[in-house]
Protein backbone atom coordinates (compact mmCIF):
# COMPACT_ATOMS: atom_id res chain seq x y z
CA MET A 1 -40.56 9.24 4.49
CA ALA A 2 -38.68 7.62 1.24
CA GLN A 3 -38.79 3.31 1.40
CA SER A 4 -37.16 0.74 -0.52
CA SER A 5 -37.62 -2.90 -0.67
CA HIS A 6 -33.71 -3.60 -1.93
CA ARG A 7 -32.22 -5.98 0.51
CA ASP A 8 -28.71 -3.76 0.43
CA ASP A 9 -31.14 -0.69 1.81
CA PHE A 10 -31.74 -2.10 5.03
CA PHE A 11 -30.20 -0.57 8.51
CA GLN A 12 -28.29 1.84 6.35
CA THR A 13 -28.11 5.46 6.66
CA THR A 14 -28.83 8.02 4.32
CA ALA A 15 -25.41 9.20 4.33
CA ALA A 16 -24.05 5.52 3.84
CA LEU A 17 -26.69 4.61 1.14
CA ASP A 18 -25.53 8.40 -0.67
CA GLU A 19 -21.92 7.32 -0.43
CA GLN A 20 -22.75 3.68 -1.80
CA LYS A 21 -24.50 5.65 -4.75
CA ARG A 22 -21.43 7.80 -5.21
CA LYS A 23 -18.91 4.93 -5.11
CA THR A 24 -21.12 3.00 -7.65
CA ALA A 25 -20.96 5.87 -10.07
CA LYS A 26 -17.33 6.51 -9.51
CA SER A 27 -16.63 2.58 -10.54
CA GLN A 28 -17.47 3.38 -13.68
CA ASN A 29 -14.39 5.16 -14.36
CA THR A 30 -11.59 4.32 -16.46
CA ASN A 31 -8.81 5.93 -14.97
CA GLY A 32 -5.60 4.51 -15.14
CA ALA A 33 -6.66 1.93 -17.49
CA PRO A 34 -8.41 -0.41 -14.60
CA ILE A 35 -7.58 -4.06 -14.61
CA ARG A 36 -10.29 -5.48 -12.50
CA LEU A 37 -9.95 -8.38 -9.92
CA GLN A 38 -12.93 -10.44 -7.90
CA SER A 39 -11.66 -8.92 -4.50
CA LYS A 40 -9.60 -6.57 -2.51
CA ILE A 41 -6.06 -5.80 -3.05
CA LEU A 42 -4.07 -5.81 0.36
CA ALA A 43 -0.51 -5.36 -1.17
CA ILE A 44 1.43 -5.18 -4.44
CA ALA A 45 5.07 -5.97 -5.67
CA ALA A 46 7.02 -5.80 -8.61
CA ASP A 47 8.03 -8.90 -10.63
CA PRO A 48 11.31 -9.59 -9.95
CA LEU A 49 12.09 -11.26 -13.15
CA SER A 50 9.78 -9.72 -15.51
CA ALA A 51 9.37 -6.01 -15.91
CA GLY A 52 6.02 -6.27 -17.07
CA SER A 53 4.18 -7.78 -14.50
CA VAL A 54 3.27 -7.54 -10.55
CA TYR A 55 1.99 -9.52 -8.11
CA VAL A 56 -1.01 -8.87 -5.95
CA ALA A 57 -1.92 -10.17 -2.68
CA GLN A 58 -5.95 -10.18 -2.21
CA SER A 59 -8.55 -10.91 0.55
CA GLY A 60 -9.26 -13.78 -0.71
CA GLY A 61 -6.18 -15.53 0.30
CA THR A 62 -4.94 -15.75 -3.23
CA VAL A 63 -1.80 -13.85 -4.60
CA ARG A 64 -1.70 -13.06 -8.22
CA LYS A 65 0.80 -12.46 -11.39
CA VAL A 66 -0.89 -9.93 -13.77
CA ILE A 67 0.22 -8.91 -16.86
CA LEU A 68 -0.07 -5.28 -16.79
CA GLU A 69 -0.25 -4.73 -20.33
CA THR A 70 -3.25 -6.99 -20.84
CA GLY A 71 -4.96 -7.36 -17.55
CA GLU A 72 -4.46 -11.16 -17.81
CA THR A 73 -3.71 -13.31 -14.83
CA ALA A 74 -0.81 -14.91 -15.91
CA ALA A 75 -0.68 -17.35 -12.14
CA VAL A 76 -2.57 -17.83 -9.17
CA PHE A 77 -0.68 -19.19 -6.01
CA LYS A 78 -3.50 -20.69 -3.74
CA GLY A 79 -3.63 -22.25 -0.04
CA PRO A 80 -4.56 -19.67 2.44
CA THR A 81 -8.05 -18.87 3.29
CA ALA A 82 -7.66 -15.82 4.71
CA PRO A 83 -6.61 -12.43 3.92
CA ILE A 84 -2.78 -12.01 2.58
CA THR A 85 -1.81 -8.48 3.84
CA SER A 86 2.09 -8.71 2.40
CA ILE A 87 4.15 -10.31 -0.39
CA CYS A 88 8.10 -10.98 -1.17
CA PHE A 89 10.41 -12.85 -3.12
CA SER A 90 13.79 -14.84 -2.14
CA PRO A 91 16.70 -13.29 -3.06
CA ASP A 92 17.23 -14.83 -6.39
CA GLY A 93 13.16 -14.40 -7.03
CA GLN A 94 12.23 -18.18 -7.30
CA LEU A 95 10.19 -18.38 -4.32
CA LEU A 96 7.35 -16.37 -3.43
CA PHE A 97 6.32 -15.37 0.38
CA ALA A 98 3.03 -14.10 1.70
CA GLY A 99 1.84 -12.66 4.92
CA CYS A 100 -1.17 -14.01 5.95
CA TRP A 101 -4.17 -13.46 8.80
CA ASP A 102 -3.60 -16.80 9.79
CA LYS A 103 -0.46 -16.07 11.28
CA LYS A 104 1.78 -17.77 9.13
CA ILE A 105 3.77 -17.21 6.41
CA TRP A 106 3.27 -19.12 2.66
CA SER A 107 5.62 -20.11 0.38
CA TRP A 108 5.44 -21.24 -3.21
CA ASP A 109 7.67 -21.84 -6.16
CA VAL A 110 6.92 -19.03 -8.56
CA ALA A 111 7.50 -21.20 -11.96
CA SER A 112 5.46 -24.20 -10.87
CA GLN A 113 2.96 -22.42 -8.40
CA GLU A 114 3.75 -25.29 -5.97
CA PRO A 115 3.37 -24.48 -2.19
CA LYS A 116 6.52 -24.71 -0.22
CA LEU A 117 7.14 -24.17 3.33
CA ARG A 118 4.84 -22.43 5.92
CA TYR A 119 6.90 -20.23 8.65
CA GLU A 120 5.18 -20.40 11.90
CA GLY A 121 5.98 -18.77 15.10
CA HIS A 122 3.50 -15.31 15.15
CA THR A 123 0.91 -15.47 17.60
CA ASP A 124 -1.40 -12.69 15.44
CA PHE A 125 -1.62 -11.60 11.96
CA VAL A 126 1.46 -11.16 9.97
CA ARG A 127 1.54 -7.83 8.34
CA SER A 128 4.95 -7.83 6.48
CA VAL A 129 7.54 -9.91 4.85
CA VAL A 130 11.16 -9.38 3.73
CA CYS A 131 13.94 -11.76 2.48
CA VAL A 132 17.63 -11.06 2.64
CA ARG A 133 20.99 -13.35 2.12
CA LEU A 134 22.72 -12.94 5.43
CA GLY A 135 26.09 -14.75 5.34
CA ASP A 136 25.69 -17.85 3.42
CA GLN A 137 22.21 -18.37 4.07
CA ASP A 138 18.81 -16.72 2.92
CA VAL A 139 16.77 -15.36 5.38
CA LEU A 140 13.07 -14.38 5.61
CA VAL A 141 11.95 -12.01 8.37
CA SER A 142 8.38 -11.38 9.27
CA GLY A 143 5.95 -8.48 11.46
CA GLY A 144 3.05 -9.54 12.92
CA ALA A 145 0.55 -7.73 14.78
CA ASP A 146 1.90 -9.65 17.73
CA ALA A 147 4.65 -6.59 18.10
CA GLN A 148 7.27 -9.55 17.05
CA ILE A 149 9.85 -9.51 14.53
CA LEU A 150 10.90 -13.16 13.44
CA SER A 151 13.54 -14.43 11.30
CA PHE A 152 13.62 -17.75 9.65
CA ASN A 153 16.15 -20.09 7.95
CA LEU A 154 14.13 -19.38 4.42
CA VAL A 155 15.29 -23.09 3.31
CA THR A 156 14.54 -25.13 6.70
CA GLY A 157 12.07 -23.04 7.76
CA GLN A 158 13.65 -22.86 11.59
CA ARG A 159 13.29 -19.70 13.75
CA LEU A 160 16.52 -17.95 13.90
CA SER A 161 15.41 -14.73 16.32
CA THR A 162 13.06 -13.22 17.54
CA MET A 163 13.30 -8.94 17.48
CA LYS A 164 10.95 -7.25 20.63
CA GLY A 165 10.92 -3.46 21.14
CA HIS A 166 7.62 -2.45 19.72
CA THR A 167 4.49 -2.51 21.70
CA LYS A 168 2.07 -2.85 19.38
CA GLY A 169 1.87 -4.07 16.10
CA ILE A 170 4.11 -3.90 13.36
CA GLN A 171 2.77 -2.30 10.11
CA ASP A 172 5.85 -2.75 7.89
CA LEU A 173 9.57 -3.97 7.46
CA ILE A 174 11.88 -2.70 5.03
CA LEU A 175 15.43 -3.39 4.28
CA ASP A 176 18.00 -0.64 4.63
CA PRO A 177 19.76 -0.33 1.52
CA VAL A 178 22.64 1.07 2.77
CA SER A 179 23.50 -2.13 4.83
CA LEU A 180 23.27 -4.18 1.78
CA GLY A 181 26.46 -3.59 0.20
CA PRO A 182 28.15 -6.35 -1.95
CA ASP A 183 30.43 -7.13 0.66
CA SER A 184 28.01 -6.50 3.46
CA SER A 185 27.28 -9.19 6.42
CA GLU A 186 25.51 -6.82 8.60
CA PRO A 187 22.02 -6.46 7.25
CA VAL A 188 19.38 -3.97 8.80
CA VAL A 189 15.91 -4.30 9.07
CA VAL A 190 13.80 -1.08 9.78
CA SER A 191 10.73 -1.51 11.56
CA ALA A 192 7.33 0.47 11.56
CA GLY A 193 4.84 -0.11 14.02
CA SER A 194 1.15 0.71 15.01
CA ASP A 195 2.88 2.63 18.36
CA ARG A 196 4.05 5.21 16.11
CA GLU A 197 7.54 3.87 16.36
CA ILE A 198 10.30 3.12 13.60
CA ARG A 199 13.05 0.82 14.84
CA ARG A 200 16.30 -0.59 13.48
CA PHE A 201 17.63 -4.39 14.10
CA ASP A 202 21.02 -5.57 12.78
CA LEU A 203 20.23 -9.24 11.57
CA SER A 204 23.79 -10.27 11.83
CA ILE A 205 24.31 -9.68 15.61
CA GLY A 206 21.41 -11.89 17.55
CA SER A 207 18.75 -9.21 15.77
CA GLN A 208 20.00 -6.53 17.81
CA ASP A 209 17.93 -3.29 18.61
CA LEU A 210 19.69 -0.42 17.29
CA THR A 211 17.25 1.87 18.40
CA GLY A 212 17.31 0.51 21.88
CA THR A 213 14.93 3.22 23.83
CA ASP A 214 15.54 5.82 21.42
CA ALA A 215 13.16 4.51 18.76
CA ILE A 216 12.63 7.21 15.78
CA LEU A 217 9.49 9.21 16.61
CA ALA A 218 8.49 11.11 13.59
CA HIS A 219 4.55 10.68 13.98
CA ASP A 220 1.70 11.04 16.19
CA THR A 221 0.12 7.70 15.42
CA ASN A 222 0.65 4.45 13.30
CA VAL A 223 3.21 4.52 10.81
CA HIS A 224 1.77 2.37 7.43
CA ARG A 225 4.84 2.21 5.62
CA LEU A 226 8.51 3.25 4.49
CA PHE A 227 10.53 3.74 1.67
CA PHE A 228 14.50 4.33 1.29
CA ASP A 229 15.06 6.95 -1.64
CA GLY A 230 18.55 6.86 -3.50
CA ASP A 231 20.27 8.82 -1.06
CA GLY A 232 19.35 6.56 1.35
CA ASP A 233 16.85 8.73 3.31
CA LEU A 234 13.68 7.29 4.78
CA TRP A 235 9.93 7.92 3.85
CA THR A 236 7.26 7.49 5.70
CA ALA A 237 3.18 7.23 5.31
CA SER A 238 1.19 7.39 8.71
CA ALA A 239 -2.21 7.79 10.01
CA ASP A 240 -1.61 10.96 11.15
CA LYS A 241 -2.43 12.44 7.68
CA THR A 242 1.32 12.90 6.63
CA SER A 243 4.01 11.67 4.78
CA LYS A 244 7.57 12.68 5.79
CA CYS A 245 11.24 12.26 4.69
CA LEU A 246 13.57 11.64 7.43
CA VAL A 247 17.29 12.35 6.68
CA ARG A 248 19.63 9.84 7.63
CA GLU A 249 22.78 12.27 8.21
CA ASP A 250 20.71 14.32 10.51
CA GLY A 251 19.72 11.59 12.80
CA TRP A 252 16.65 10.59 11.08
CA LYS A 253 14.90 14.06 11.75
CA SER A 254 12.00 15.32 9.37
CA ASN A 255 12.69 17.81 6.65
CA LEU A 256 9.74 17.96 4.27
CA THR A 257 6.05 17.18 5.84
CA LEU A 258 3.44 16.47 2.92
CA VAL A 259 0.15 17.07 4.56
CA HIS A 260 -2.86 14.80 3.32
CA PRO A 261 -6.58 14.96 3.99
CA ASP A 262 -6.60 11.32 5.61
CA TYR A 263 -4.51 8.40 6.58
CA VAL A 264 -1.65 7.74 4.17
CA ARG A 265 -1.02 4.32 2.92
CA ASP A 266 2.23 4.36 0.99
CA VAL A 267 4.89 6.52 -0.62
CA VAL A 268 7.37 5.91 -3.31
CA ILE A 269 9.92 8.19 -4.84
CA HIS A 270 10.64 8.82 -8.55
CA GLU A 271 14.12 9.80 -8.31
CA GLN A 272 14.70 10.94 -12.48
CA GLY A 273 11.35 12.89 -12.01
CA GLY A 274 11.84 14.32 -8.73
CA TRP A 275 8.29 13.32 -7.41
CA VAL A 276 7.28 11.97 -4.07
CA ILE A 277 3.97 10.03 -4.97
CA THR A 278 1.34 8.88 -2.04
CA ALA A 279 -1.60 6.73 -1.76
CA CYS A 280 -4.15 7.97 0.56
CA ARG A 281 -7.28 6.25 2.33
CA ASP A 282 -8.94 9.27 0.52
CA GLU A 283 -8.88 7.06 -2.78
CA GLU A 284 -6.53 9.41 -4.46
CA VAL A 285 -2.76 9.23 -5.56
CA ARG A 286 -1.04 12.23 -5.35
CA VAL A 287 2.41 13.36 -7.28
CA TRP A 288 4.30 16.23 -5.04
CA ASN A 289 7.48 18.04 -5.94
CA ARG A 290 10.10 16.70 -3.96
CA SER A 291 12.29 19.87 -3.84
CA THR A 292 9.19 22.01 -2.70
CA GLY A 293 7.10 20.08 -0.86
CA GLN A 294 4.09 21.07 -3.62
CA LEU A 295 1.25 18.95 -4.66
CA HIS A 296 1.75 18.72 -8.25
CA HIS A 297 -1.63 16.56 -9.16
CA THR A 298 -3.47 14.24 -8.02
CA PHE A 299 -4.60 10.96 -10.04
CA SER A 300 -8.35 10.10 -9.33
CA GLY A 301 -9.84 6.83 -10.41
CA HIS A 302 -9.90 4.36 -7.62
CA TYR A 303 -13.42 4.66 -5.74
CA GLU A 304 -11.90 2.66 -2.17
CA GLU A 305 -8.92 3.29 -0.64
CA VAL A 306 -5.80 3.17 -2.30
CA THR A 307 -3.58 0.20 -0.32
CA GLY A 308 -0.03 0.20 -2.40
CA LEU A 309 1.95 1.73 -4.56
CA VAL A 310 4.71 -0.13 -7.29
CA LEU A 311 6.88 2.08 -9.41
CA LEU A 312 7.90 0.89 -12.74
CA GLY A 313 10.02 2.77 -14.62
CA SER A 314 8.00 5.82 -15.15
CA THR A 315 4.77 4.36 -14.10
CA VAL A 316 3.20 4.06 -10.97
CA VAL A 317 0.44 1.48 -10.27
CA SER A 318 -1.94 1.62 -7.55
CA VAL A 319 -4.19 -1.06 -6.19
CA GLY A 320 -6.77 -0.50 -3.86
CA ILE A 321 -9.91 -2.07 -1.70
CA ASP A 322 -11.87 -1.59 -4.87
CA ALA A 323 -10.06 -4.72 -6.28
CA THR A 324 -8.83 -2.77 -9.04
CA ILE A 325 -4.76 -2.30 -10.29
CA ARG A 326 -4.54 1.06 -11.97
CA GLN A 327 -1.23 2.61 -14.07
CA TRP A 328 -0.19 5.97 -13.92
CA SER A 329 2.32 7.57 -16.07
CA LEU A 330 4.76 9.76 -14.70
CA LYS A 331 6.39 11.00 -18.00
CA PRO A 332 6.35 14.93 -18.69
CA SER A 333 4.25 15.03 -21.57
CA ASP A 334 1.83 12.45 -19.72
CA LEU A 335 1.71 14.29 -16.54
CA GLU A 336 0.83 17.60 -18.51
CA ILE A 337 -2.29 15.96 -20.68
CA ALA A 338 -3.49 14.37 -17.16
CA ILE A 339 -3.39 18.12 -15.35
CA ALA A 340 -5.04 19.75 -18.31
CA LYS A 341 -7.69 17.02 -18.55
CA ALA A 342 -8.49 17.01 -14.96
CA LYS A 343 -8.60 21.07 -15.26
CA ALA A 344 -11.35 20.46 -17.41
CA THR A 345 -13.35 18.22 -15.82
CA THR A 346 -13.13 20.25 -12.71
CA THR A 347 -14.62 23.28 -14.79
CA GLU A 348 -17.08 21.56 -16.34
CA ASP A 349 -18.67 20.19 -12.78
CA GLU A 350 -18.28 23.66 -11.27
CA GLU A 351 -20.40 25.29 -14.23
CA GLU A 352 -23.00 22.24 -14.56
CA PRO A 353 -25.38 21.80 -11.69
CA ALA A 354 -26.17 18.56 -10.30
CA ASN A 355 -29.64 18.58 -11.78
CA PRO A 356 -29.50 21.05 -14.97
CA GLU A 357 -33.48 21.31 -15.23
CA SER A 358 -34.29 22.13 -11.71
CA MET A 359 -33.44 25.34 -9.65
CA LEU A 360 -33.67 23.42 -6.08
CA THR A 361 -30.77 22.86 -4.07
CA GLU A 362 -29.68 19.38 -2.87
CA GLU A 363 -31.45 19.20 0.41
CA GLU A 364 -34.57 20.68 -1.51
CA GLU A 365 -34.45 17.74 -3.73
CA ARG A 366 -34.34 15.46 -1.07
CA GLU A 367 -37.17 16.58 0.94
CA LEU A 368 -39.64 16.83 -2.20
CA ALA A 369 -38.53 13.57 -3.09
CA GLU A 370 -39.28 12.69 0.35
CA LEU A 371 -42.92 14.19 0.50
CA MET A 372 -43.69 12.48 -3.05
CA ALA A 373 -42.59 9.41 -2.20
CA GLU A 374 -45.03 9.90 1.08
CA ASP A 375 -47.87 10.89 -1.34
């Protein structure tokens, strides 16, 4: 049997070694103009003050501001020693907040990168954070793996309320845009949980659970991410391998289901093009026709799970466990070029065998290699 002296090969199955080789080979691709960082990227947020930058949360405990055109890191926010799972900004964009595995929410001054308050109260990982203006004060809302949703006075750090209803950890929080009109004093935060439930909480009246015992149940298991489109309908990304559109005017019933081969990690809507873009654990970014539900194109480039998406105009920016930031154009002409290129690559792969000099099957080649190693 084949043997290796490489330390990384010990205690690994042949399948694991093959998978590692596949990822190593795929990591050399330049699809999506990858910006390569040093640690896994767990979340992404658009820069509220600059259209050409994004902020990314990393497993190494840092948040980076990255300029997309050059790939340059413009700012690094440090302090945590545990992975950062989520990020958001104060309503005026001057403060940055990060939910962390250390059960805290960290904050920094965006301009100076100086650490500010730390918000505490969760008994497990913080998985999602959002900010909202409530009356005459700014409020920070967080969701944790402890199944709690907490709200804090953004300026003083005082805890304002504890929202309960989920029986398992919170996966995502999002503000309902319909509740955020210029004169609205009743913002609603929508939560997604590991218990497959989606709930709605009114932050203005003691953080009341508006769903009560009638949680929105659209999925079979974890709901990872939520996104509101321009019509106020809610899109979901779930570990049941689907993304769905839940229609507000129909009591949040689903009218479209997009089926994937693996967990769906994120979803965003490109209104102008009529596209639904999803991120999947199978390393792919998919573009779907919003009207028909048909898959239009698959952007391949990441070589680990895709963890987040953000839309900047007609560009979708994706991040992943492979520590890369990639950009994909949704302009009609660019999409046509991407589709043609993908078809040409597929044709070449089908015509060219894995080893053009060999008439053996892959299994026979492996057996031959093992026999030669034994000799």
